[in-house]
Protein backbone atom coordinates (compact mmCIF):
# COMPACT_ATOMS: atom_id res chain seq x y z
CA ARG A 1 -20.88 7.27 12.89
CA ASN A 2 -20.13 8.60 9.36
CA TRP A 3 -18.25 6.25 7.01
CA GLN A 4 -16.92 7.17 3.53
CA GLY A 5 -15.33 4.91 1.05
CA THR A 6 -15.63 3.28 -2.39
CA ALA A 7 -18.65 1.07 -3.23
CA SER A 8 -18.35 -2.34 -4.76
CA ASN A 9 -20.47 -5.57 -4.96
CA VAL A 10 -23.60 -3.42 -5.12
CA ASN A 11 -26.67 -5.64 -4.92
CA ALA A 12 -29.76 -3.50 -5.69
CA SER A 13 -32.28 -6.32 -4.95
CA ALA A 14 -30.83 -7.04 -1.53
CA LYS A 15 -29.90 -3.40 -0.90
CA THR A 16 -26.36 -4.31 0.20
CA LEU A 17 -22.95 -3.19 -0.84
CA THR A 18 -19.27 -3.43 0.21
CA LEU A 19 -17.64 -0.19 1.26
CA THR A 20 -13.90 -0.11 1.21
CA ILE A 21 -12.38 2.42 3.64
CA ASP A 22 -8.60 2.66 3.85
CA GLY A 23 -8.09 -0.82 2.55
CA THR A 24 -10.72 -2.44 4.87
CA ALA A 25 -13.84 -3.88 3.33
CA TYR A 26 -17.18 -3.39 5.27
CA ASN A 27 -20.41 -5.05 4.52
CA VAL A 28 -23.19 -2.50 4.41
CA ASN A 29 -26.75 -3.59 5.23
CA MET A 30 -29.63 -1.04 5.16
CA VAL A 31 -32.36 -0.82 7.70
CA ALA A 32 -35.89 -0.99 6.16
CA THR A 33 -36.43 2.71 6.75
CA ALA A 34 -32.97 3.81 5.32
CA LYS A 35 -32.78 6.83 3.15
CA VAL A 36 -30.73 6.76 -0.08
CA VAL A 37 -29.68 10.18 -1.41
CA ASN A 38 -27.32 11.80 -3.90
CA LYS A 39 -24.71 14.52 -3.15
CA SER A 40 -27.52 17.17 -3.16
CA TYR A 41 -29.48 15.04 -0.67
CA ALA A 42 -32.16 14.30 -3.27
CA THR A 43 -33.74 10.81 -2.91
CA ILE A 44 -32.46 8.31 -5.42
CA ASP A 45 -33.08 4.62 -5.96
CA PHE A 46 -30.50 2.25 -4.43
CA SER A 47 -29.93 0.80 -7.93
CA SER A 48 -28.45 4.17 -8.96
CA ILE A 49 -25.33 3.34 -6.85
CA LYS A 50 -22.56 1.80 -8.99
CA ASP A 51 -19.32 0.03 -8.27
CA GLY A 52 -16.54 2.58 -7.88
CA ASP A 53 -18.84 5.40 -6.60
CA THR A 54 -17.78 7.36 -3.45
CA VAL A 55 -20.39 6.65 -0.88
CA ARG A 56 -21.01 7.96 2.66
CA VAL A 57 -22.91 5.74 5.07
CA TRP A 58 -24.38 6.74 8.47
CA GLY A 59 -24.97 4.03 11.07
CA PRO A 60 -23.43 1.82 13.74
CA SER A 61 -20.90 -0.88 12.99
CA SER A 62 -20.14 -4.26 14.48
CA ASP A 63 -16.78 -5.67 13.36
CA THR A 64 -16.87 -5.20 9.57
CA THR A 65 -20.60 -4.86 9.13
CA ILE A 66 -22.28 -1.38 9.01
CA THR A 67 -26.07 -1.06 9.56
CA ALA A 68 -26.90 1.88 7.43
CA ARG A 69 -29.63 4.40 8.21
CA VAL A 70 -28.59 6.76 5.47
CA VAL A 71 -26.62 6.06 2.31
CA ARG A 72 -25.34 9.08 0.28
CA ASP A 73 -23.72 8.59 -3.07
CA VAL A 74 -21.57 11.69 -3.49
CA SER A 75 -20.55 10.61 -7.05
CA ILE A 76 -24.05 11.38 -8.31
């Protein structure tokens, strides 16, 4: 599934963030092989994602946890 929301609590070392979608906060955890890209699909470092950025995440969810396979920061 494709999820889009606002990033917060970005933790570059753990490669986790919180994605708020329509008022609901989801914990986003990346798989080891996850891709991190900008709006042009160029590879970026996870540390480039900042609180307040609009982020799209692809991956399955369980309750309020999303396991990301692709993270796309459309603010960059």
